Amino acid sequence: MPLLPPSHPSKTDCSIFVYLSGPMPQKGHSLRIFIFKSDVNSDLRAFSDDQGGHKLPAQFRPWHAIGVIRSDSMPPHNLNRKVIEASITSDGFQLWRMKKATG
């Protein structure tokens, strides 16, 4: 399943909130990562290995799946896959935010 592009990729930038506390995933082992968007905060996105989004923070529900990153593909916006996978391994998810570009 291909990664779905943001609705206005030329007018967005992204920043990332990193939740790291556990070990890095083993070399050679990559997760299939699902991408979600929060209805509560339209700029908030999340990565998770849980297709249903059940591991995502309740305070930002409902979450809607907007894409998937195959185990052999790179995440959007040049985000670091190892960091994303480490966060998913330790916490079940990683949050990141889309910011509108100024100017």
N, C-alpha and C. Protein backbone atom coordinates (compact mmCIF):
# COMPACT_ATOMS: atom_id res chain seq x y z
N MET A 1 0.85 -1.17 0.00
CA MET A 1 0.00 0.00 0.00
C MET A 1 0.90 1.24 0.00
N PRO A 2 0.73 2.17 -0.92
CA PRO A 2 1.61 3.34 -0.99
C PRO A 2 1.31 4.35 0.10
N LEU A 3 2.30 5.15 0.40
CA LEU A 3 2.14 6.24 1.36
C LEU A 3 1.31 7.32 0.72
N LEU A 4 0.28 7.79 1.41
CA LEU A 4 -0.56 8.85 0.88
C LEU A 4 0.09 10.20 1.15
N PRO A 5 0.18 11.08 0.12
CA PRO A 5 0.81 12.39 0.32
C PRO A 5 -0.08 13.31 1.13
N PRO A 6 0.51 14.31 1.82
CA PRO A 6 -0.30 15.30 2.52
C PRO A 6 -1.13 16.09 1.50
N SER A 7 -2.22 16.69 1.95
CA SER A 7 -3.11 17.39 1.03
C SER A 7 -2.46 18.59 0.36
N HIS A 8 -1.53 19.27 1.04
CA HIS A 8 -0.83 20.41 0.46
C HIS A 8 0.66 20.32 0.77
N PRO A 9 1.38 19.41 0.12
CA PRO A 9 2.78 19.20 0.49
C PRO A 9 3.66 20.42 0.30
N SER A 10 3.32 21.32 -0.62
CA SER A 10 4.18 22.48 -0.85
C SER A 10 4.00 23.55 0.22
N LYS A 11 2.94 23.47 1.00
CA LYS A 11 2.68 24.49 2.01
C LYS A 11 2.85 23.97 3.42
N THR A 12 3.51 22.83 3.57
CA THR A 12 3.69 22.29 4.91
C THR A 12 5.14 22.01 5.21
N ASP A 13 5.41 22.00 6.46
CA ASP A 13 6.72 21.64 6.98
C ASP A 13 6.39 20.69 8.12
N CYS A 14 7.34 20.00 8.63
CA CYS A 14 6.99 19.13 9.76
C CYS A 14 8.01 19.26 10.86
N SER A 15 7.52 19.05 12.04
CA SER A 15 8.40 18.95 13.19
C SER A 15 8.01 17.67 13.89
N ILE A 16 8.86 17.17 14.72
CA ILE A 16 8.62 15.86 15.29
C ILE A 16 8.79 15.89 16.80
N PHE A 17 7.89 15.23 17.51
CA PHE A 17 8.01 15.04 18.94
C PHE A 17 8.56 13.64 19.11
N VAL A 18 9.68 13.48 19.73
CA VAL A 18 10.30 12.16 19.85
C VAL A 18 10.07 11.62 21.25
N TYR A 19 9.54 10.42 21.32
CA TYR A 19 9.33 9.73 22.58
C TYR A 19 10.25 8.53 22.56
N LEU A 20 11.43 8.66 23.12
CA LEU A 20 12.41 7.57 23.13
C LEU A 20 12.75 7.19 24.55
N SER A 21 12.61 5.93 24.85
CA SER A 21 13.06 5.48 26.16
C SER A 21 13.53 4.04 26.12
N GLY A 22 13.33 3.35 25.01
CA GLY A 22 13.69 1.94 24.94
C GLY A 22 14.81 1.69 23.96
N PRO A 23 15.15 0.42 23.78
CA PRO A 23 16.24 0.05 22.88
C PRO A 23 15.85 0.26 21.42
N MET A 24 16.87 0.43 20.58
CA MET A 24 16.65 0.55 19.15
C MET A 24 16.26 -0.82 18.61
N PRO A 25 15.43 -0.87 17.56
CA PRO A 25 15.08 -2.16 16.96
C PRO A 25 16.34 -2.84 16.41
N GLN A 26 16.28 -4.15 16.29
CA GLN A 26 17.41 -4.91 15.78
C GLN A 26 17.69 -4.54 14.33
N LYS A 27 18.98 -4.58 13.96
CA LYS A 27 19.37 -4.31 12.58
C LYS A 27 18.72 -5.32 11.67
N GLY A 28 18.30 -4.85 10.50
CA GLY A 28 17.72 -5.73 9.52
C GLY A 28 16.23 -6.01 9.74
N HIS A 29 15.69 -5.57 10.86
CA HIS A 29 14.28 -5.79 11.15
C HIS A 29 13.56 -4.45 11.09
N SER A 30 12.66 -4.30 10.12
CA SER A 30 11.90 -3.06 10.00
C SER A 30 10.42 -3.35 10.16
N LEU A 31 9.75 -2.44 10.81
CA LEU A 31 8.31 -2.55 11.04
C LEU A 31 7.53 -2.02 9.85
N ARG A 32 6.32 -2.50 9.67
CA ARG A 32 5.37 -1.83 8.79
C ARG A 32 4.74 -0.76 9.67
N ILE A 33 4.81 0.48 9.24
CA ILE A 33 4.40 1.62 10.07
C ILE A 33 3.15 2.26 9.47
N PHE A 34 2.14 2.43 10.31
CA PHE A 34 0.90 3.07 9.88
C PHE A 34 0.93 4.54 10.29
N ILE A 35 0.38 5.39 9.43
CA ILE A 35 0.35 6.83 9.67
C ILE A 35 -1.09 7.24 9.95
N PHE A 36 -1.26 8.04 11.00
CA PHE A 36 -2.58 8.48 11.42
C PHE A 36 -2.64 10.00 11.53
N LYS A 37 -3.86 10.52 11.41
CA LYS A 37 -4.13 11.95 11.59
C LYS A 37 -5.19 12.09 12.68
N SER A 38 -4.98 13.06 13.57
CA SER A 38 -5.92 13.32 14.66
C SER A 38 -7.05 14.23 14.18
N ASP A 39 -8.29 13.92 14.57
CA ASP A 39 -9.40 14.81 14.29
C ASP A 39 -9.43 16.00 15.25
N VAL A 40 -8.90 15.80 16.45
CA VAL A 40 -8.91 16.85 17.47
C VAL A 40 -7.93 17.97 17.12
N ASN A 41 -6.77 17.60 16.59
CA ASN A 41 -5.74 18.56 16.20
C ASN A 41 -5.33 18.22 14.77
N SER A 42 -5.80 18.98 13.80
CA SER A 42 -5.61 18.64 12.39
C SER A 42 -4.15 18.62 11.95
N ASP A 43 -3.24 19.23 12.71
CA ASP A 43 -1.82 19.22 12.37
C ASP A 43 -1.08 18.04 12.99
N LEU A 44 -1.72 17.31 13.89
CA LEU A 44 -1.06 16.22 14.61
C LEU A 44 -1.16 14.91 13.83
N ARG A 45 -0.02 14.25 13.71
CA ARG A 45 0.08 12.96 13.04
C ARG A 45 0.73 11.97 14.01
N ALA A 46 0.59 10.71 13.72
CA ALA A 46 1.20 9.67 14.55
C ALA A 46 1.65 8.51 13.68
N PHE A 47 2.72 7.87 14.12
CA PHE A 47 3.17 6.61 13.54
C PHE A 47 2.88 5.53 14.58
N SER A 48 2.46 4.35 14.10
CA SER A 48 2.27 3.21 14.99
C SER A 48 2.39 1.92 14.19
N ASP A 49 2.71 0.84 14.87
CA ASP A 49 2.71 -0.47 14.22
C ASP A 49 1.35 -1.13 14.34
N ASP A 50 0.40 -0.47 14.99
CA ASP A 50 -0.95 -0.98 15.21
C ASP A 50 -1.89 -0.40 14.16
N GLN A 51 -2.34 -1.23 13.23
CA GLN A 51 -3.17 -0.79 12.12
C GLN A 51 -4.46 -0.12 12.58
N GLY A 52 -4.99 -0.51 13.72
CA GLY A 52 -6.23 0.07 14.22
C GLY A 52 -6.04 1.36 15.00
N GLY A 53 -4.80 1.72 15.33
CA GLY A 53 -4.53 2.94 16.08
C GLY A 53 -4.88 2.87 17.55
N HIS A 54 -5.06 1.67 18.09
CA HIS A 54 -5.47 1.51 19.49
C HIS A 54 -4.39 1.93 20.48
N LYS A 55 -3.13 1.98 20.05
CA LYS A 55 -2.03 2.37 20.95
C LYS A 55 -1.84 3.89 21.01
N LEU A 56 -2.57 4.63 20.18
CA LEU A 56 -2.38 6.09 20.10
C LEU A 56 -3.03 6.81 21.28
N PRO A 57 -2.51 7.98 21.64
CA PRO A 57 -3.03 8.72 22.80
C PRO A 57 -4.52 9.05 22.69
N ALA A 58 -5.27 8.71 23.73
CA ALA A 58 -6.72 8.90 23.75
C ALA A 58 -7.13 10.37 23.66
N GLN A 59 -6.31 11.28 24.20
CA GLN A 59 -6.71 12.68 24.24
C GLN A 59 -6.78 13.32 22.85
N PHE A 60 -6.24 12.65 21.83
CA PHE A 60 -6.26 13.19 20.47
C PHE A 60 -7.18 12.39 19.55
N ARG A 61 -8.02 11.51 20.11
CA ARG A 61 -8.96 10.72 19.32
C ARG A 61 -10.11 11.57 18.84
N PRO A 62 -10.71 11.20 17.74
CA PRO A 62 -10.47 10.01 16.95
C PRO A 62 -9.27 10.18 16.01
N TRP A 63 -8.60 9.07 15.75
CA TRP A 63 -7.48 8.99 14.81
C TRP A 63 -7.97 8.31 13.53
N HIS A 64 -7.46 8.78 12.40
CA HIS A 64 -7.81 8.18 11.11
C HIS A 64 -6.54 7.78 10.39
N ALA A 65 -6.50 6.54 9.89
CA ALA A 65 -5.35 6.06 9.12
C ALA A 65 -5.29 6.83 7.80
N ILE A 66 -4.11 7.35 7.48
CA ILE A 66 -3.94 8.09 6.23
C ILE A 66 -2.85 7.50 5.35
N GLY A 67 -2.17 6.47 5.83
CA GLY A 67 -1.14 5.86 5.01
C GLY A 67 -0.40 4.77 5.74
N VAL A 68 0.49 4.13 5.01
CA VAL A 68 1.32 3.06 5.58
C VAL A 68 2.69 3.14 4.92
N ILE A 69 3.70 2.85 5.72
CA ILE A 69 5.07 2.80 5.22
C ILE A 69 5.49 1.34 5.27
N ARG A 70 5.74 0.76 4.12
CA ARG A 70 6.18 -0.64 4.07
C ARG A 70 7.52 -0.77 4.77
N SER A 71 7.86 -1.99 5.14
CA SER A 71 9.11 -2.24 5.86
C SER A 71 10.34 -1.90 5.03
N ASP A 72 10.20 -1.83 3.70
CA ASP A 72 11.34 -1.50 2.84
C ASP A 72 11.28 -0.07 2.31
N SER A 73 10.41 0.78 2.87
CA SER A 73 10.24 2.15 2.40
C SER A 73 10.67 3.17 3.45
N MET A 74 10.96 4.39 2.99
CA MET A 74 11.37 5.48 3.88
C MET A 74 10.15 6.27 4.35
N PRO A 75 10.19 6.80 5.57
CA PRO A 75 9.10 7.65 6.07
C PRO A 75 9.04 8.98 5.30
N PRO A 76 7.91 9.67 5.39
CA PRO A 76 7.78 10.97 4.72
C PRO A 76 8.65 12.04 5.38
N HIS A 77 8.90 13.11 4.65
CA HIS A 77 9.58 14.30 5.16
C HIS A 77 10.99 14.02 5.69
N ASN A 78 11.63 12.97 5.18
CA ASN A 78 12.99 12.60 5.59
C ASN A 78 13.11 12.33 7.09
N LEU A 79 12.02 11.89 7.72
CA LEU A 79 12.08 11.53 9.14
C LEU A 79 12.87 10.24 9.29
N ASN A 80 13.55 10.09 10.39
CA ASN A 80 14.46 8.98 10.62
C ASN A 80 13.69 7.72 11.03
N ARG A 81 13.75 6.72 10.19
CA ARG A 81 13.02 5.48 10.43
C ARG A 81 13.47 4.78 11.71
N LYS A 82 14.76 4.78 12.00
CA LYS A 82 15.27 4.13 13.22
C LYS A 82 14.70 4.79 14.47
N VAL A 83 14.61 6.10 14.47
CA VAL A 83 14.05 6.83 15.61
C VAL A 83 12.56 6.51 15.75
N ILE A 84 11.85 6.48 14.63
CA ILE A 84 10.42 6.16 14.65
C ILE A 84 10.20 4.75 15.20
N GLU A 85 10.97 3.79 14.69
CA GLU A 85 10.81 2.41 15.14
C GLU A 85 11.17 2.24 16.61
N ALA A 86 12.18 2.95 17.08
CA ALA A 86 12.55 2.88 18.50
C ALA A 86 11.42 3.41 19.38
N SER A 87 10.80 4.49 18.96
CA SER A 87 9.69 5.06 19.72
C SER A 87 8.50 4.10 19.72
N ILE A 88 8.21 3.50 18.56
CA ILE A 88 7.11 2.55 18.48
C ILE A 88 7.40 1.33 19.37
N THR A 89 8.64 0.87 19.36
CA THR A 89 9.02 -0.28 20.18
C THR A 89 8.85 0.02 21.67
N SER A 90 9.23 1.22 22.09
CA SER A 90 9.16 1.54 23.52
C SER A 90 7.80 2.04 23.98
N ASP A 91 7.11 2.80 23.13
CA ASP A 91 5.86 3.44 23.55
C ASP A 91 4.63 3.05 22.75
N GLY A 92 4.83 2.38 21.62
CA GLY A 92 3.70 1.99 20.78
C GLY A 92 3.34 3.00 19.70
N PHE A 93 3.95 4.18 19.75
CA PHE A 93 3.65 5.23 18.77
C PHE A 93 4.73 6.31 18.80
N GLN A 94 4.65 7.18 17.82
CA GLN A 94 5.42 8.42 17.82
C GLN A 94 4.54 9.51 17.23
N LEU A 95 4.48 10.65 17.89
CA LEU A 95 3.70 11.79 17.41
C LEU A 95 4.58 12.74 16.63
N TRP A 96 4.00 13.39 15.63
CA TRP A 96 4.69 14.47 14.92
C TRP A 96 3.63 15.45 14.42
N ARG A 97 4.06 16.65 14.11
CA ARG A 97 3.13 17.72 13.79
C ARG A 97 3.50 18.35 12.45
N MET A 98 2.50 18.59 11.64
CA MET A 98 2.66 19.32 10.39
C MET A 98 2.51 20.81 10.72
N LYS A 99 3.43 21.60 10.20
CA LYS A 99 3.34 23.06 10.42
C LYS A 99 3.16 23.73 9.06
N LYS A 100 2.34 24.74 9.02
CA LYS A 100 2.18 25.51 7.81
C LYS A 100 3.41 26.37 7.62
N ALA A 101 3.92 26.37 6.40
CA ALA A 101 5.08 27.20 6.09
C ALA A 101 4.66 28.67 6.10
N THR A 102 5.56 29.49 6.59
CA THR A 102 5.28 30.93 6.62
C THR A 102 5.80 31.54 5.34
N GLY A 103 5.13 32.57 4.91
CA GLY A 103 5.61 33.31 3.73
C GLY A 103 4.87 33.02 2.56
